[in-house]
Amino acid sequence: MNTINPTTTAKRQLTYEVISGGSGLLLALFMWGHMVFVGSILTGAKGYDWLAEILEVYFIAQPTVMVIFVLVLVHAVLAARKIPAQLAE
């Protein structure tokens, strides 16, 4: 007999929701940070170049791209599980 334990299923769903919420929060914080960095162009060419140099010299830009890519994938997979499988749902 193959019975599914409702508490195990509920815990798994809660875990998925927490991960989805956490990844969404991190993506939202990234967007705010991105807006601040894009807004740094208002500091002029010298300030903008300084910020770009800091991000490149300390290898902040490249790993951030990979982390955001993984976060988008995780968030998309966890959000896609909520899409109804049939029109009636």
PDB file of N, CA and C in Angstrom:
ATOM      1  N   MET A   1       0.841  -1.175   0.000  1.00  0.00           N
ATOM      2  CA  MET A   1       0.000   0.000   0.000  1.00  0.00           C
ATOM      3  C   MET A   1       0.891   1.245   0.000  1.00  0.00           C
ATOM      4  N   ASN A   2       0.634   2.132  -0.912  1.00  0.00           N
ATOM      5  CA  ASN A   2       1.456   3.320  -1.068  1.00  0.00           C
ATOM      6  C   ASN A   2       0.662   4.536  -0.607  1.00  0.00           C
ATOM      7  N   THR A   3       0.827   4.903   0.639  1.00  0.00           N
ATOM      8  CA  THR A   3       0.130   6.074   1.162  1.00  0.00           C
ATOM      9  C   THR A   3       1.120   7.211   1.337  1.00  0.00           C
ATOM     10  N   ILE A   4       0.657   8.396   1.089  1.00  0.00           N
ATOM     11  CA  ILE A   4       1.490   9.588   1.227  1.00  0.00           C
ATOM     12  C   ILE A   4       1.168  10.227   2.568  1.00  0.00           C
ATOM     13  N   ASN A   5       2.201  10.468   3.339  1.00  0.00           N
ATOM     14  CA  ASN A   5       2.037  11.082   4.640  1.00  0.00           C
ATOM     15  C   ASN A   5       1.727  12.564   4.449  1.00  0.00           C
ATOM     16  N   PRO A   6       0.553  13.039   4.919  1.00  0.00           N
ATOM     17  CA  PRO A   6       0.194  14.450   4.706  1.00  0.00           C
ATOM     18  C   PRO A   6       1.152  15.426   5.381  1.00  0.00           C
ATOM     19  N   THR A   7       1.718  15.048   6.519  1.00  0.00           N
ATOM     20  CA  THR A   7       2.641  15.980   7.175  1.00  0.00           C
ATOM     21  C   THR A   7       3.934  16.124   6.397  1.00  0.00           C
ATOM     22  N   THR A   8       4.391  15.047   5.779  1.00  0.00           N
ATOM     23  CA  THR A   8       5.599  15.111   4.964  1.00  0.00           C
ATOM     24  C   THR A   8       5.360  15.993   3.745  1.00  0.00           C
ATOM     25  N   THR A   9       4.197  15.835   3.124  1.00  0.00           N
ATOM     26  CA  THR A   9       3.853  16.646   1.957  1.00  0.00           C
ATOM     27  C   THR A   9       3.741  18.115   2.346  1.00  0.00           C
ATOM     28  N   ALA A  10       3.117  18.388   3.481  1.00  0.00           N
ATOM     29  CA  ALA A  10       2.972  19.775   3.934  1.00  0.00           C
ATOM     30  C   ALA A  10       4.332  20.388   4.244  1.00  0.00           C
ATOM     31  N   LYS A  11       5.214  19.629   4.865  1.00  0.00           N
ATOM     32  CA  LYS A  11       6.554  20.139   5.165  1.00  0.00           C
ATOM     33  C   LYS A  11       7.328  20.427   3.884  1.00  0.00           C
ATOM     34  N   ARG A  12       7.181  19.548   2.902  1.00  0.00           N
ATOM     35  CA  ARG A  12       7.873  19.755   1.626  1.00  0.00           C
ATOM     36  C   ARG A  12       7.345  21.008   0.937  1.00  0.00           C
ATOM     37  N   GLN A  13       6.012  21.193   0.938  1.00  0.00           N
ATOM     38  CA  GLN A  13       5.429  22.381   0.319  1.00  0.00           C
ATOM     39  C   GLN A  13       5.882  23.654   1.043  1.00  0.00           C
ATOM     40  N   LEU A  14       5.945  23.579   2.382  1.00  0.00           N
ATOM     41  CA  LEU A  14       6.420  24.729   3.146  1.00  0.00           C
ATOM     42  C   LEU A  14       7.871  25.043   2.801  1.00  0.00           C
ATOM     43  N   THR A  15       8.696  24.022   2.671  1.00  0.00           N
ATOM     44  CA  THR A  15      10.098  24.220   2.294  1.00  0.00           C
ATOM     45  C   THR A  15      10.193  24.885   0.925  1.00  0.00           C
ATOM     46  N   TYR A  16       9.389  24.420  -0.035  1.00  0.00           N
ATOM     47  CA  TYR A  16       9.382  25.027  -1.367  1.00  0.00           C
ATOM     48  C   TYR A  16       8.963  26.488  -1.304  1.00  0.00           C
ATOM     49  N   GLU A  17       7.971  26.789  -0.481  1.00  0.00           N
ATOM     50  CA  GLU A  17       7.498  28.168  -0.359  1.00  0.00           C
ATOM     51  C   GLU A  17       8.555  29.066   0.265  1.00  0.00           C
ATOM     52  N   VAL A  18       9.242  28.564   1.282  1.00  0.00           N
ATOM     53  CA  VAL A  18      10.289  29.356   1.942  1.00  0.00           C
ATOM     54  C   VAL A  18      11.443  29.616   0.976  1.00  0.00           C
ATOM     55  N   ILE A  19      11.845  28.600   0.229  1.00  0.00           N
ATOM     56  CA  ILE A  19      12.931  28.782  -0.747  1.00  0.00           C
ATOM     57  C   ILE A  19      12.491  29.751  -1.841  1.00  0.00           C
ATOM     58  N   SER A  20      11.253  29.617  -2.310  1.00  0.00           N
ATOM     59  CA  SER A  20      10.742  30.513  -3.339  1.00  0.00           C
ATOM     60  C   SER A  20      10.684  31.951  -2.829  1.00  0.00           C
ATOM     61  N   GLY A  21      10.207  32.122  -1.611  1.00  0.00           N
ATOM     62  CA  GLY A  21      10.146  33.464  -1.034  1.00  0.00           C
ATOM     63  C   GLY A  21      11.526  34.054  -0.821  1.00  0.00           C
ATOM     64  N   GLY A  22      12.462  33.234  -0.347  1.00  0.00           N
ATOM     65  CA  GLY A  22      13.829  33.706  -0.137  1.00  0.00           C
ATOM     66  C   GLY A  22      14.509  34.102  -1.439  1.00  0.00           C
ATOM     67  N   SER A  23      14.326  33.273  -2.457  1.00  0.00           N
ATOM     68  CA  SER A  23      14.937  33.599  -3.750  1.00  0.00           C
ATOM     69  C   SER A  23      14.290  34.847  -4.350  1.00  0.00           C
ATOM     70  N   GLY A  24      12.994  34.994  -4.161  1.00  0.00           N
ATOM     71  CA  GLY A  24      12.319  36.201  -4.642  1.00  0.00           C
ATOM     72  C   GLY A  24      12.814  37.441  -3.930  1.00  0.00           C
ATOM     73  N   LEU A  25      13.016  37.334  -2.621  1.00  0.00           N
ATOM     74  CA  LEU A  25      13.534  38.465  -1.850  1.00  0.00           C
ATOM     75  C   LEU A  25      14.939  38.835  -2.311  1.00  0.00           C
ATOM     76  N   LEU A  26      15.792  37.832  -2.498  1.00  0.00           N
ATOM     77  CA  LEU A  26      17.155  38.108  -2.967  1.00  0.00           C
ATOM     78  C   LEU A  26      17.151  38.740  -4.355  1.00  0.00           C
ATOM     79  N   LEU A  27      16.256  38.278  -5.230  1.00  0.00           N
ATOM     80  CA  LEU A  27      16.172  38.875  -6.569  1.00  0.00           C
ATOM     81  C   LEU A  27      15.675  40.319  -6.495  1.00  0.00           C
ATOM     82  N   ALA A  28      14.730  40.585  -5.601  1.00  0.00           N
ATOM     83  CA  ALA A  28      14.249  41.963  -5.436  1.00  0.00           C
ATOM     84  C   ALA A  28      15.356  42.864  -4.895  1.00  0.00           C
ATOM     85  N   LEU A  29      16.131  42.363  -3.928  1.00  0.00           N
ATOM     86  CA  LEU A  29      17.254  43.146  -3.406  1.00  0.00           C
ATOM     87  C   LEU A  29      18.302  43.394  -4.479  1.00  0.00           C
ATOM     88  N   PHE A  30      18.522  42.393  -5.331  1.00  0.00           N
ATOM     89  CA  PHE A  30      19.450  42.584  -6.444  1.00  0.00           C
ATOM     90  C   PHE A  30      18.958  43.699  -7.370  1.00  0.00           C
ATOM     91  N   MET A  31      17.661  43.710  -7.647  1.00  0.00           N
ATOM     92  CA  MET A  31      17.120  44.752  -8.529  1.00  0.00           C
ATOM     93  C   MET A  31      17.318  46.140  -7.922  1.00  0.00           C
ATOM     94  N   TRP A  32      17.109  46.271  -6.620  1.00  0.00           N
ATOM     95  CA  TRP A  32      17.340  47.559  -5.962  1.00  0.00           C
ATOM     96  C   TRP A  32      18.811  47.948  -6.057  1.00  0.00           C
ATOM     97  N   GLY A  33      19.698  47.002  -5.789  1.00  0.00           N
ATOM     98  CA  GLY A  33      21.122  47.294  -5.905  1.00  0.00           C
ATOM     99  C   GLY A  33      21.522  47.653  -7.320  1.00  0.00           C
ATOM    100  N   HIS A  34      20.931  46.962  -8.275  1.00  0.00           N
ATOM    101  CA  HIS A  34      21.222  47.249  -9.681  1.00  0.00           C
ATOM    102  C   HIS A  34      20.778  48.662 -10.032  1.00  0.00           C
ATOM    103  N   MET A  35      19.619  49.068  -9.528  1.00  0.00           N
ATOM    104  CA  MET A  35      19.148  50.429  -9.797  1.00  0.00           C
ATOM    105  C   MET A  35      20.096  51.469  -9.194  1.00  0.00           C
ATOM    106  N   VAL A  36      20.624  51.186  -8.010  1.00  0.00           N
ATOM    107  CA  VAL A  36      21.576  52.113  -7.388  1.00  0.00           C
ATOM    108  C   VAL A  36      22.851  52.198  -8.222  1.00  0.00           C
ATOM    109  N   PHE A  37      23.342  51.037  -8.677  1.00  0.00           N
ATOM    110  CA  PHE A  37      24.569  51.042  -9.483  1.00  0.00           C
ATOM    111  C   PHE A  37      24.350  51.725 -10.830  1.00  0.00           C
ATOM    112  N   VAL A  38      23.211  51.513 -11.441  1.00  0.00           N
ATOM    113  CA  VAL A  38      22.923  52.201 -12.703  1.00  0.00           C
ATOM    114  C   VAL A  38      22.791  53.697 -12.450  1.00  0.00           C
ATOM    115  N   GLY A  39      22.210  54.052 -11.312  1.00  0.00           N
ATOM    116  CA  GLY A  39      22.078  55.466 -10.957  1.00  0.00           C
ATOM    117  C   GLY A  39      23.409  56.127 -10.684  1.00  0.00           C
ATOM    118  N   SER A  40      24.456  55.330 -10.475  1.00  0.00           N
ATOM    119  CA  SER A  40      25.769  55.913 -10.213  1.00  0.00           C
ATOM    120  C   SER A  40      26.320  56.633 -11.434  1.00  0.00           C
ATOM    121  N   ILE A  41      25.687  56.454 -12.577  1.00  0.00           N
ATOM    122  CA  ILE A  41      26.128  57.193 -13.766  1.00  0.00           C
ATOM    123  C   ILE A  41      25.917  58.691 -13.567  1.00  0.00           C
ATOM    124  N   LEU A  42      25.030  59.033 -12.637  1.00  0.00           N
ATOM    125  CA  LEU A  42      24.806  60.447 -12.344  1.00  0.00           C
ATOM    126  C   LEU A  42      25.995  61.090 -11.640  1.00  0.00           C
ATOM    127  N   THR A  43      26.912  60.278 -11.131  1.00  0.00           N
ATOM    128  CA  THR A  43      28.121  60.817 -10.497  1.00  0.00           C
ATOM    129  C   THR A  43      29.144  61.284 -11.531  1.00  0.00           C
ATOM    130  N   GLY A  44      28.863  61.026 -12.785  1.00  0.00           N
ATOM    131  CA  GLY A  44      29.773  61.437 -13.849  1.00  0.00           C
ATOM    132  C   GLY A  44      30.628  60.273 -14.313  1.00  0.00           C
ATOM    133  N   ALA A  45      31.390  60.513 -15.335  1.00  0.00           N
ATOM    134  CA  ALA A  45      32.213  59.459 -15.934  1.00  0.00           C
ATOM    135  C   ALA A  45      33.250  58.933 -14.952  1.00  0.00           C
ATOM    136  N   LYS A  46      33.822  59.824 -14.165  1.00  0.00           N
ATOM    137  CA  LYS A  46      34.868  59.414 -13.232  1.00  0.00           C
ATOM    138  C   LYS A  46      34.303  58.489 -12.147  1.00  0.00           C
ATOM    139  N   GLY A  47      33.176  58.840 -11.572  1.00  0.00           N
ATOM    140  CA  GLY A  47      32.556  58.020 -10.532  1.00  0.00           C
ATOM    141  C   GLY A  47      32.065  56.689 -11.067  1.00  0.00           C
ATOM    142  N   TYR A  48      31.489  56.724 -12.255  1.00  0.00           N
ATOM    143  CA  TYR A  48      30.980  55.499 -12.878  1.00  0.00           C
ATOM    144  C   TYR A  48      32.133  54.556 -13.217  1.00  0.00           C
ATOM    145  N   ASP A  49      33.219  55.101 -13.758  1.00  0.00           N
ATOM    146  CA  ASP A  49      34.390  54.276 -14.075  1.00  0.00           C
ATOM    147  C   ASP A  49      35.026  53.710 -12.809  1.00  0.00           C
ATOM    148  N   TRP A  50      35.036  54.488 -11.726  1.00  0.00           N
ATOM    149  CA  TRP A  50      35.586  54.012 -10.458  1.00  0.00           C
ATOM    150  C   TRP A  50      34.787  52.812  -9.957  1.00  0.00           C
ATOM    151  N   LEU A  51      33.476  52.907 -10.004  1.00  0.00           N
ATOM    152  CA  LEU A  51      32.624  51.803  -9.549  1.00  0.00           C
ATOM    153  C   LEU A  51      32.825  50.561 -10.421  1.00  0.00           C
ATOM    154  N   ALA A  52      32.894  50.750 -11.727  1.00  0.00           N
ATOM    155  CA  ALA A  52      33.119  49.623 -12.635  1.00  0.00           C
ATOM    156  C   ALA A  52      34.471  48.976 -12.363  1.00  0.00           C
ATOM    157  N   GLU A  53      35.470  49.786 -12.088  1.00  0.00           N
ATOM    158  CA  GLU A  53      36.804  49.253 -11.808  1.00  0.00           C
ATOM    159  C   GLU A  53      36.800  48.443 -10.508  1.00  0.00           C
ATOM    160  N   ILE A  54      36.137  48.937  -9.488  1.00  0.00           N
ATOM    161  CA  ILE A  54      36.056  48.214  -8.205  1.00  0.00           C
ATOM    162  C   ILE A  54      35.374  46.861  -8.414  1.00  0.00           C
ATOM    163  N   LEU A  55      34.295  46.843  -9.160  1.00  0.00           N
ATOM    164  CA  LEU A  55      33.564  45.591  -9.397  1.00  0.00           C
ATOM    165  C   LEU A  55      34.396  44.594 -10.195  1.00  0.00           C
ATOM    166  N   GLU A  56      35.230  45.076 -11.073  1.00  0.00           N
ATOM    167  CA  GLU A  56      36.064  44.192 -11.885  1.00  0.00           C
ATOM    168  C   GLU A  56      37.332  43.749 -11.144  1.00  0.00           C
ATOM    169  N   VAL A  57      38.002  44.663 -10.459  1.00  0.00           N
ATOM    170  CA  VAL A  57      39.265  44.350  -9.793  1.00  0.00           C
ATOM    171  C   VAL A  57      39.057  43.324  -8.684  1.00  0.00           C
ATOM    172  N   TYR A  58      37.986  43.487  -7.915  1.00  0.00           N
ATOM    173  CA  TYR A  58      37.733  42.574  -6.798  1.00  0.00           C
ATOM    174  C   TYR A  58      36.858  41.387  -7.192  1.00  0.00           C
ATOM    175  N   PHE A  59      36.674  41.179  -8.476  1.00  0.00           N
ATOM    176  CA  PHE A  59      35.919  40.039  -9.017  1.00  0.00           C
ATOM    177  C   PHE A  59      34.541  39.903  -8.372  1.00  0.00           C
ATOM    178  N   ILE A  60      33.823  41.002  -8.329  1.00  0.00           N
ATOM    179  CA  ILE A  60      32.468  41.002  -7.776  1.00  0.00           C
ATOM    180  C   ILE A  60      31.445  40.792  -8.892  1.00  0.00           C
ATOM    181  N   ALA A  61      31.710  41.334 -10.061  1.00  0.00           N
ATOM    182  CA  ALA A  61      30.723  41.314 -11.138  1.00  0.00           C
ATOM    183  C   ALA A  61      30.466  39.905 -11.687  1.00  0.00           C
ATOM    184  N   GLN A  62      31.516  39.159 -11.991  1.00  0.00           N
ATOM    185  CA  GLN A  62      31.346  37.856 -12.636  1.00  0.00           C
ATOM    186  C   GLN A  62      30.631  36.835 -11.744  1.00  0.00           C
ATOM    187  N   PRO A  63      31.044  36.665 -10.478  1.00  0.00           N
ATOM    188  CA  PRO A  63      30.309  35.702  -9.641  1.00  0.00           C
ATOM    189  C   PRO A  63      28.864  36.121  -9.398  1.00  0.00           C
ATOM    190  N   THR A  64      28.624  37.428  -9.348  1.00  0.00           N
ATOM    191  CA  THR A  64      27.258  37.904  -9.138  1.00  0.00           C
ATOM    192  C   THR A  64      26.363  37.482 -10.285  1.00  0.00           C
ATOM    193  N   VAL A  65      26.875  37.516 -11.499  1.00  0.00           N
ATOM    194  CA  VAL A  65      26.090  37.097 -12.665  1.00  0.00           C
ATOM    195  C   VAL A  65      25.675  35.630 -12.518  1.00  0.00           C
ATOM    196  N   MET A  66      26.602  34.792 -12.103  1.00  0.00           N
ATOM    197  CA  MET A  66      26.292  33.369 -11.949  1.00  0.00           C
ATOM    198  C   MET A  66      25.300  33.133 -10.818  1.00  0.00           C
ATOM    199  N   VAL A  67      25.465  33.824  -9.711  1.00  0.00           N
ATOM    200  CA  VAL A  67      24.552  33.661  -8.571  1.00  0.00           C
ATOM    201  C   VAL A  67      23.142  34.096  -8.955  1.00  0.00           C
ATOM    202  N   ILE A  68      23.027  35.209  -9.643  1.00  0.00           N
ATOM    203  CA  ILE A  68      21.703  35.696 -10.052  1.00  0.00           C
ATOM    204  C   ILE A  68      21.082  34.733 -11.055  1.00  0.00           C
ATOM    205  N   PHE A  69      21.876  34.183 -11.956  1.00  0.00           N
ATOM    206  CA  PHE A  69      21.356  33.212 -12.925  1.00  0.00           C
ATOM    207  C   PHE A  69      20.781  31.994 -12.210  1.00  0.00           C
ATOM    208  N   VAL A  70      21.512  31.468 -11.226  1.00  0.00           N
ATOM    209  CA  VAL A  70      21.023  30.302 -10.462  1.00  0.00           C
ATOM    210  C   VAL A  70      19.772  30.673  -9.679  1.00  0.00           C
ATOM    211  N   LEU A  71      19.752  31.861  -9.079  1.00  0.00           N
ATOM    212  CA  LEU A  71      18.568  32.292  -8.334  1.00  0.00           C
ATOM    213  C   LEU A  71      17.342  32.397  -9.232  1.00  0.00           C
ATOM    214  N   VAL A  72      17.528  32.920 -10.430  1.00  0.00           N
ATOM    215  CA  VAL A  72      16.401  33.027 -11.369  1.00  0.00           C
ATOM    216  C   VAL A  72      15.893  31.634 -11.733  1.00  0.00           C
ATOM    217  N   LEU A  73      16.795  30.700 -11.983  1.00  0.00           N
ATOM    218  CA  LEU A  73      16.370  29.337 -12.316  1.00  0.00           C
ATOM    219  C   LEU A  73      15.617  28.681 -11.162  1.00  0.00           C
ATOM    220  N   VAL A  74      16.156  28.777  -9.961  1.00  0.00           N
ATOM    221  CA  VAL A  74      15.497  28.185  -8.788  1.00  0.00           C
ATOM    222  C   VAL A  74      14.125  28.811  -8.585  1.00  0.00           C
ATOM    223  N   HIS A  75      14.066  30.128  -8.660  1.00  0.00           N
ATOM    224  CA  HIS A  75      12.796  30.818  -8.463  1.00  0.00           C
ATOM    225  C   HIS A  75      11.778  30.439  -9.544  1.00  0.00           C
ATOM    226  N   ALA A  76      12.226  30.338 -10.782  1.00  0.00           N
ATOM    227  CA  ALA A  76      11.322  29.981 -11.876  1.00  0.00           C
ATOM    228  C   ALA A  76      10.786  28.560 -11.716  1.00  0.00           C
ATOM    229  N   VAL A  77      11.649  27.631 -11.336  1.00  0.00           N
ATOM    230  CA  VAL A  77      11.208  26.236 -11.159  1.00  0.00           C
ATOM    231  C   VAL A  77      10.200  26.146 -10.024  1.00  0.00           C
ATOM    232  N   LEU A  78      10.476  26.809  -8.922  1.00  0.00           N
ATOM    233  CA  LEU A  78       9.564  26.739  -7.786  1.00  0.00           C
ATOM    234  C   LEU A  78       8.258  27.495  -8.059  1.00  0.00           C
ATOM    235  N   ALA A  79       8.314  28.539  -8.844  1.00  0.00           N
ATOM    236  CA  ALA A  79       7.086  29.262  -9.194  1.00  0.00           C
ATOM    237  C   ALA A  79       6.277  28.488 -10.231  1.00  0.00           C
ATOM    238  N   ALA A  80       6.956  27.755 -11.107  1.00  0.00           N
ATOM    239  CA  ALA A  80       6.265  27.019 -12.172  1.00  0.00           C
ATOM    240  C   ALA A  80       5.438  25.873 -11.617  1.00  0.00           C
ATOM    241  N   ARG A  81       5.769  25.377 -10.444  1.00  0.00           N
ATOM    242  CA  ARG A  81       4.994  24.278  -9.885  1.00  0.00           C
ATOM    243  C   ARG A  81       3.597  24.701  -9.486  1.00  0.00           C
ATOM    244  N   LYS A  82       3.354  26.011  -9.398  1.00  0.00           N
ATOM    245  CA  LYS A  82       2.030  26.521  -9.048  1.00  0.00           C
ATOM    246  C   LYS A  82       1.134  26.703 -10.266  1.00  0.00           C
ATOM    247  N   ILE A  83       1.685  26.566 -11.443  1.00  0.00           N
ATOM    248  CA  ILE A  83       0.884  26.726 -12.668  1.00  0.00           C
ATOM    249  C   ILE A  83      -0.052  25.537 -12.786  1.00  0.00           C
ATOM    250  N   PRO A  84      -1.332  25.791 -13.001  1.00  0.00           N
ATOM    251  CA  PRO A  84      -2.274  24.665 -13.134  1.00  0.00           C
ATOM    252  C   PRO A  84      -1.932  23.779 -14.331  1.00  0.00           C
ATOM    253  N   ALA A  85      -2.097  22.474 -14.123  1.00  0.00           N
ATOM    254  CA  ALA A  85      -1.792  21.525 -15.198  1.00  0.00           C
ATOM    255  C   ALA A  85      -2.924  21.473 -16.223  1.00  0.00           C
ATOM    256  N   GLN A  86      -4.132  21.767 -15.790  1.00  0.00           N
ATOM    257  CA  GLN A  86      -5.287  21.741 -16.682  1.00  0.00           C
ATOM    258  C   GLN A  86      -6.049  23.041 -16.560  1.00  0.00           C
ATOM    259  N   LEU A  87      -6.828  23.353 -17.570  1.00  0.00           N
ATOM    260  CA  LEU A  87      -7.598  24.594 -17.585  1.00  0.00           C
ATOM    261  C   LEU A  87      -8.630  24.612 -16.464  1.00  0.00           C
ATOM    262  N   ALA A  88      -9.166  23.456 -16.123  1.00  0.00           N
ATOM    263  CA  ALA A  88     -10.190  23.373 -15.080  1.00  0.00           C
ATOM    264  C   ALA A  88      -9.642  23.699 -13.696  1.00  0.00           C
ATOM    265  N   GLU A  89      -8.366  23.547 -13.508  1.00  0.00           N
ATOM    266  CA  GLU A  89      -7.774  23.818 -12.203  1.00  0.00           C
ATOM    267  C   GLU A  89      -7.663  25.309 -12.001  1.00  0.00           C
TER     268      GLU A  89
END
